[in-house]
Amino acid sequence: EKLEGDAALNKLFQQIYCDGSDEVKRAM
């Protein structure tokens, strides 16, 4: 789904968190 603005940015952060390692999640 194509999102814009804050919604797109939040979705990017959520995706990074979901795909990240345990160290990435702890750091965030």
All heavy atoms as atom14 arrays in JSON, in Angstrom:
{
  "sequence": "EKLEGDAALNKLFQQIYCDGSDEVKRAM",
  "atom14_mask": [
    [1, 1, 1, 1, 1, 1, 1, 1, 1, 0, 0, 0, 0, 0],
    [1, 1, 1, 1, 1, 1, 1, 1, 1, 0, 0, 0, 0, 0],
    [1, 1, 1, 1, 1, 1, 1, 1, 0, 0, 0, 0, 0, 0],
    [1, 1, 1, 1, 1, 1, 1, 1, 1, 0, 0, 0, 0, 0],
    [1, 1, 1, 1, 0, 0, 0, 0, 0, 0, 0, 0, 0, 0],
    [1, 1, 1, 1, 1, 1, 1, 1, 0, 0, 0, 0, 0, 0],
    [1, 1, 1, 1, 1, 0, 0, 0, 0, 0, 0, 0, 0, 0],
    [1, 1, 1, 1, 1, 0, 0, 0, 0, 0, 0, 0, 0, 0],
    [1, 1, 1, 1, 1, 1, 1, 1, 0, 0, 0, 0, 0, 0],
    [1, 1, 1, 1, 1, 1, 1, 1, 0, 0, 0, 0, 0, 0],
    [1, 1, 1, 1, 1, 1, 1, 1, 1, 0, 0, 0, 0, 0],
    [1, 1, 1, 1, 1, 1, 1, 1, 0, 0, 0, 0, 0, 0],
    [1, 1, 1, 1, 1, 1, 1, 1, 1, 1, 1, 0, 0, 0],
    [1, 1, 1, 1, 1, 1, 1, 1, 1, 0, 0, 0, 0, 0],
    [1, 1, 1, 1, 1, 1, 1, 1, 1, 0, 0, 0, 0, 0],
    [1, 1, 1, 1, 1, 1, 1, 1, 0, 0, 0, 0, 0, 0],
    [1, 1, 1, 1, 1, 1, 1, 1, 1, 1, 1, 1, 0, 0],
    [1, 1, 1, 1, 1, 1, 0, 0, 0, 0, 0, 0, 0, 0],
    [1, 1, 1, 1, 1, 1, 1, 1, 0, 0, 0, 0, 0, 0],
    [1, 1, 1, 1, 0, 0, 0, 0, 0, 0, 0, 0, 0, 0],
    [1, 1, 1, 1, 1, 1, 0, 0, 0, 0, 0, 0, 0, 0],
    [1, 1, 1, 1, 1, 1, 1, 1, 0, 0, 0, 0, 0, 0],
    [1, 1, 1, 1, 1, 1, 1, 1, 1, 0, 0, 0, 0, 0],
    [1, 1, 1, 1, 1, 1, 1, 0, 0, 0, 0, 0, 0, 0],
    [1, 1, 1, 1, 1, 1, 1, 1, 1, 0, 0, 0, 0, 0],
    [1, 1, 1, 1, 1, 1, 1, 1, 1, 1, 1, 0, 0, 0],
    [1, 1, 1, 1, 1, 0, 0, 0, 0, 0, 0, 0, 0, 0],
    [1, 1, 1, 1, 1, 1, 1, 1, 0, 0, 0, 0, 0, 0]
  ],
  "atom14_positions": [
    [[0.84, -1.19, 0.0], [0.0, 0.0, 0.0], [0.88, 1.25, 0.0], [1.85, 1.36, 0.75], [-0.9, 0.01, 1.24], [-2.09, -0.91, 1.14], [-3.12, -0.37, 0.18], [-3.57, 0.75, 0.37], [-3.43, -1.07, -0.79], [0.0, 0.0, 0.0], [0.0, 0.0, 0.0], [0.0, 0.0, 0.0], [0.0, 0.0, 0.0], [0.0, 0.0, 0.0]],
    [[0.57, 2.2, -0.85], [1.37, 3.42, -0.97], [0.91, 4.44, 0.06], [-0.22, 4.89, 0.05], [1.23, 4.0, -2.38], [1.82, 3.11, -3.46], [1.71, 3.75, -4.83], [2.34, 2.87, -5.89], [2.24, 3.47, -7.24], [0.0, 0.0, 0.0], [0.0, 0.0, 0.0], [0.0, 0.0, 0.0], [0.0, 0.0, 0.0], [0.0, 0.0, 0.0]],
    [[1.83, 4.78, 0.99], [1.53, 5.77, 2.03], [2.36, 7.02, 1.77], [3.36, 6.99, 1.06], [1.84, 5.2, 3.41], [1.08, 3.91, 3.78], [1.53, 3.4, 5.13], [-0.43, 4.16, 3.8], [0.0, 0.0, 0.0], [0.0, 0.0, 0.0], [0.0, 0.0, 0.0], [0.0, 0.0, 0.0], [0.0, 0.0, 0.0], [0.0, 0.0, 0.0]],
    [[1.96, 8.12, 2.4], [2.66, 9.38, 2.22], [2.89, 10.04, 3.58], [2.21, 9.75, 4.56], [1.84, 10.32, 1.32], [1.61, 9.76, -0.08], [0.75, 10.69, -0.94], [0.28, 11.7, -0.38], [0.56, 10.41, -2.13], [0.0, 0.0, 0.0], [0.0, 0.0, 0.0], [0.0, 0.0, 0.0], [0.0, 0.0, 0.0], [0.0, 0.0, 0.0]],
    [[3.84, 10.98, 3.61], [4.07, 11.81, 4.79], [4.48, 11.0, 6.0], [5.28, 10.05, 5.93], [0.0, 0.0, 0.0], [0.0, 0.0, 0.0], [0.0, 0.0, 0.0], [0.0, 0.0, 0.0], [0.0, 0.0, 0.0], [0.0, 0.0, 0.0], [0.0, 0.0, 0.0], [0.0, 0.0, 0.0], [0.0, 0.0, 0.0], [0.0, 0.0, 0.0]],
    [[3.93, 11.38, 7.19], [4.26, 10.72, 8.46], [3.92, 9.24, 8.43], [4.62, 8.41, 9.02], [3.54, 11.4, 9.62], [4.08, 12.81, 9.87], [5.21, 13.08, 9.42], [3.38, 13.61, 10.51], [0.0, 0.0, 0.0], [0.0, 0.0, 0.0], [0.0, 0.0, 0.0], [0.0, 0.0, 0.0], [0.0, 0.0, 0.0], [0.0, 0.0, 0.0]],
    [[2.82, 8.91, 7.75], [2.41, 7.51, 7.7], [3.48, 6.67, 7.0], [3.8, 5.55, 7.43], [1.08, 7.38, 6.97], [0.0, 0.0, 0.0], [0.0, 0.0, 0.0], [0.0, 0.0, 0.0], [0.0, 0.0, 0.0], [0.0, 0.0, 0.0], [0.0, 0.0, 0.0], [0.0, 0.0, 0.0], [0.0, 0.0, 0.0], [0.0, 0.0, 0.0]],
    [[4.05, 7.19, 5.92], [5.1, 6.46, 5.21], [6.35, 6.33, 6.06], [7.02, 5.28, 6.08], [5.41, 7.18, 3.9], [0.0, 0.0, 0.0], [0.0, 0.0, 0.0], [0.0, 0.0, 0.0], [0.0, 0.0, 0.0], [0.0, 0.0, 0.0], [0.0, 0.0, 0.0], [0.0, 0.0, 0.0], [0.0, 0.0, 0.0], [0.0, 0.0, 0.0]],
    [[6.7, 7.41, 6.81], [7.89, 7.38, 7.65], [7.72, 6.38, 8.8], [8.62, 5.59, 9.1], [8.16, 8.79, 8.2], [9.48, 8.97, 8.97], [10.67, 8.64, 8.08], [9.58, 10.4, 9.51], [0.0, 0.0, 0.0], [0.0, 0.0, 0.0], [0.0, 0.0, 0.0], [0.0, 0.0, 0.0], [0.0, 0.0, 0.0], [0.0, 0.0, 0.0]],
    [[6.54, 6.4, 9.42], [6.28, 5.46, 10.52], [6.32, 4.02, 10.02], [6.82, 3.12, 10.7], [4.91, 5.75, 11.15], [4.94, 7.03, 11.97], [5.99, 7.43, 12.47], [3.79, 7.67, 12.11], [0.0, 0.0, 0.0], [0.0, 0.0, 0.0], [0.0, 0.0, 0.0], [0.0, 0.0, 0.0], [0.0, 0.0, 0.0], [0.0, 0.0, 0.0]],
    [[5.78, 3.81, 8.82], [5.8, 2.46, 8.26], [7.24, 2.0, 8.01], [7.59, 0.83, 8.23], [4.99, 2.43, 6.97], [4.91, 1.04, 6.36], [4.05, 1.03, 5.12], [3.99, -0.37, 4.51], [3.17, -0.41, 3.29], [0.0, 0.0, 0.0], [0.0, 0.0, 0.0], [0.0, 0.0, 0.0], [0.0, 0.0, 0.0], [0.0, 0.0, 0.0]],
    [[8.11, 2.94, 7.57], [9.51, 2.6, 7.34], [10.19, 2.18, 8.63], [10.9, 1.17, 8.7], [10.23, 3.8, 6.71], [11.74, 3.65, 6.52], [12.06, 2.49, 5.58], [12.35, 4.94, 6.0], [0.0, 0.0, 0.0], [0.0, 0.0, 0.0], [0.0, 0.0, 0.0], [0.0, 0.0, 0.0], [0.0, 0.0, 0.0], [0.0, 0.0, 0.0]],
    [[9.96, 2.97, 9.72], [10.55, 2.62, 11.02], [10.05, 1.27, 11.51], [10.81, 0.46, 12.05], [10.22, 3.71, 12.04], [10.94, 5.02, 11.79], [10.36, 6.22, 12.17], [12.17, 5.04, 11.16], [11.01, 7.42, 11.94], [12.83, 6.25, 10.92], [12.24, 7.44, 11.31], [0.0, 0.0, 0.0], [0.0, 0.0, 0.0], [0.0, 0.0, 0.0]],
    [[8.74, 1.01, 11.32], [8.18, -0.27, 11.75], [8.81, -1.42, 10.99], [9.11, -2.48, 11.56], [6.66, -0.27, 11.54], [5.91, 0.68, 12.46], [4.45, 0.81, 12.09], [3.96, 0.09, 11.22], [3.76, 1.74, 12.73], [0.0, 0.0, 0.0], [0.0, 0.0, 0.0], [0.0, 0.0, 0.0], [0.0, 0.0, 0.0], [0.0, 0.0, 0.0]],
    [[9.04, -1.21, 9.69], [9.63, -2.26, 8.88], [11.07, -2.53, 9.29], [11.51, -3.69, 9.35], [9.56, -1.86, 7.39], [9.88, -2.99, 6.43], [8.85, -4.11, 6.52], [7.66, -3.85, 6.53], [9.33, -5.35, 6.62], [0.0, 0.0, 0.0], [0.0, 0.0, 0.0], [0.0, 0.0, 0.0], [0.0, 0.0, 0.0], [0.0, 0.0, 0.0]],
    [[11.82, -1.45, 9.58], [13.21, -1.62, 10.04], [13.24, -2.39, 11.34], [14.06, -3.3, 11.53], [13.89, -0.24, 10.21], [14.05, 0.44, 8.83], [15.24, -0.39, 10.9], [14.56, 1.87, 8.92], [0.0, 0.0, 0.0], [0.0, 0.0, 0.0], [0.0, 0.0, 0.0], [0.0, 0.0, 0.0], [0.0, 0.0, 0.0], [0.0, 0.0, 0.0]],
    [[12.31, -2.07, 12.25], [12.27, -2.74, 13.55], [11.91, -4.22, 13.38], [12.53, -5.09, 13.99], [11.24, -2.04, 14.45], [11.24, -2.57, 15.87], [12.12, -2.06, 16.82], [10.36, -3.57, 16.25], [12.11, -2.55, 18.13], [10.34, -4.06, 17.54], [11.23, -3.55, 18.48], [11.21, -4.03, 19.76], [0.0, 0.0, 0.0], [0.0, 0.0, 0.0]],
    [[10.91, -4.5, 12.53], [10.47, -5.89, 12.35], [11.56, -6.74, 11.7], [11.73, -7.91, 12.06], [9.2, -5.93, 11.5], [7.74, -5.27, 12.33], [0.0, 0.0, 0.0], [0.0, 0.0, 0.0], [0.0, 0.0, 0.0], [0.0, 0.0, 0.0], [0.0, 0.0, 0.0], [0.0, 0.0, 0.0], [0.0, 0.0, 0.0], [0.0, 0.0, 0.0]],
    [[12.28, -6.17, 10.75], [13.29, -6.93, 10.02], [14.65, -6.93, 10.71], [15.55, -7.67, 10.3], [13.45, -6.37, 8.6], [12.18, -6.52, 7.78], [11.33, -7.36, 8.15], [12.03, -5.79, 6.78], [0.0, 0.0, 0.0], [0.0, 0.0, 0.0], [0.0, 0.0, 0.0], [0.0, 0.0, 0.0], [0.0, 0.0, 0.0], [0.0, 0.0, 0.0]],
    [[14.8, -6.1, 11.73], [16.12, -5.95, 12.36], [16.48, -7.07, 13.3], [15.63, -7.85, 13.75], [0.0, 0.0, 0.0], [0.0, 0.0, 0.0], [0.0, 0.0, 0.0], [0.0, 0.0, 0.0], [0.0, 0.0, 0.0], [0.0, 0.0, 0.0], [0.0, 0.0, 0.0], [0.0, 0.0, 0.0], [0.0, 0.0, 0.0], [0.0, 0.0, 0.0]],
    [[17.78, -7.14, 13.63], [18.27, -8.13, 14.59], [17.92, -7.68, 16.01], [17.39, -6.59, 16.22], [19.79, -8.27, 14.45], [20.41, -7.03, 14.78], [0.0, 0.0, 0.0], [0.0, 0.0, 0.0], [0.0, 0.0, 0.0], [0.0, 0.0, 0.0], [0.0, 0.0, 0.0], [0.0, 0.0, 0.0], [0.0, 0.0, 0.0], [0.0, 0.0, 0.0]],
    [[18.21, -8.54, 16.97], [17.95, -8.17, 18.37], [18.73, -6.92, 18.76], [18.23, -6.08, 19.52], [18.32, -9.34, 19.29], [17.37, -10.52, 19.14], [16.25, -10.3, 18.61], [17.73, -11.63, 19.54], [0.0, 0.0, 0.0], [0.0, 0.0, 0.0], [0.0, 0.0, 0.0], [0.0, 0.0, 0.0], [0.0, 0.0, 0.0], [0.0, 0.0, 0.0]],
    [[19.96, -6.78, 18.27], [20.76, -5.6, 18.6], [20.14, -4.35, 18.0], [20.11, -3.28, 18.64], [22.2, -5.78, 18.09], [23.02, -6.76, 18.91], [24.49, -6.69, 18.53], [24.82, -6.0, 17.53], [25.32, -7.33, 19.23], [0.0, 0.0, 0.0], [0.0, 0.0, 0.0], [0.0, 0.0, 0.0], [0.0, 0.0, 0.0], [0.0, 0.0, 0.0]],
    [[19.64, -4.44, 16.79], [18.98, -3.29, 16.16], [17.76, -2.88, 16.97], [17.52, -1.69, 17.23], [18.59, -3.61, 14.71], [17.65, -2.54, 14.15], [19.84, -3.73, 13.84], [0.0, 0.0, 0.0], [0.0, 0.0, 0.0], [0.0, 0.0, 0.0], [0.0, 0.0, 0.0], [0.0, 0.0, 0.0], [0.0, 0.0, 0.0], [0.0, 0.0, 0.0]],
    [[16.95, -3.85, 17.39], [15.76, -3.54, 18.17], [16.12, -2.91, 19.51], [15.48, -1.95, 19.95], [14.93, -4.81, 18.38], [14.33, -5.34, 17.08], [13.56, -6.64, 17.32], [12.99, -7.16, 16.0], [12.27, -8.45, 16.18], [0.0, 0.0, 0.0], [0.0, 0.0, 0.0], [0.0, 0.0, 0.0], [0.0, 0.0, 0.0], [0.0, 0.0, 0.0]],
    [[17.17, -3.44, 20.18], [17.6, -2.86, 21.46], [18.08, -1.43, 21.26], [17.79, -0.54, 22.07], [18.7, -3.72, 22.08], [18.21, -5.03, 22.68], [19.22, -5.6, 23.67], [20.5, -5.91, 23.02], [20.78, -7.08, 22.49], [19.89, -8.05, 22.51], [21.97, -7.3, 21.93], [0.0, 0.0, 0.0], [0.0, 0.0, 0.0], [0.0, 0.0, 0.0]],
    [[18.82, -1.21, 20.18], [19.34, 0.13, 19.91], [18.19, 1.12, 19.67], [18.21, 2.25, 20.17], [20.28, 0.09, 18.7], [0.0, 0.0, 0.0], [0.0, 0.0, 0.0], [0.0, 0.0, 0.0], [0.0, 0.0, 0.0], [0.0, 0.0, 0.0], [0.0, 0.0, 0.0], [0.0, 0.0, 0.0], [0.0, 0.0, 0.0], [0.0, 0.0, 0.0]],
    [[17.18, 0.7, 18.89], [16.06, 1.59, 18.6], [15.27, 1.9, 19.86], [14.88, 3.06, 20.11], [15.16, 0.95, 17.53], [15.83, 0.82, 16.15], [14.79, 0.02, 14.91], [13.61, 1.35, 14.59], [0.0, 0.0, 0.0], [0.0, 0.0, 0.0], [0.0, 0.0, 0.0], [0.0, 0.0, 0.0], [0.0, 0.0, 0.0], [0.0, 0.0, 0.0]]
  ]
}
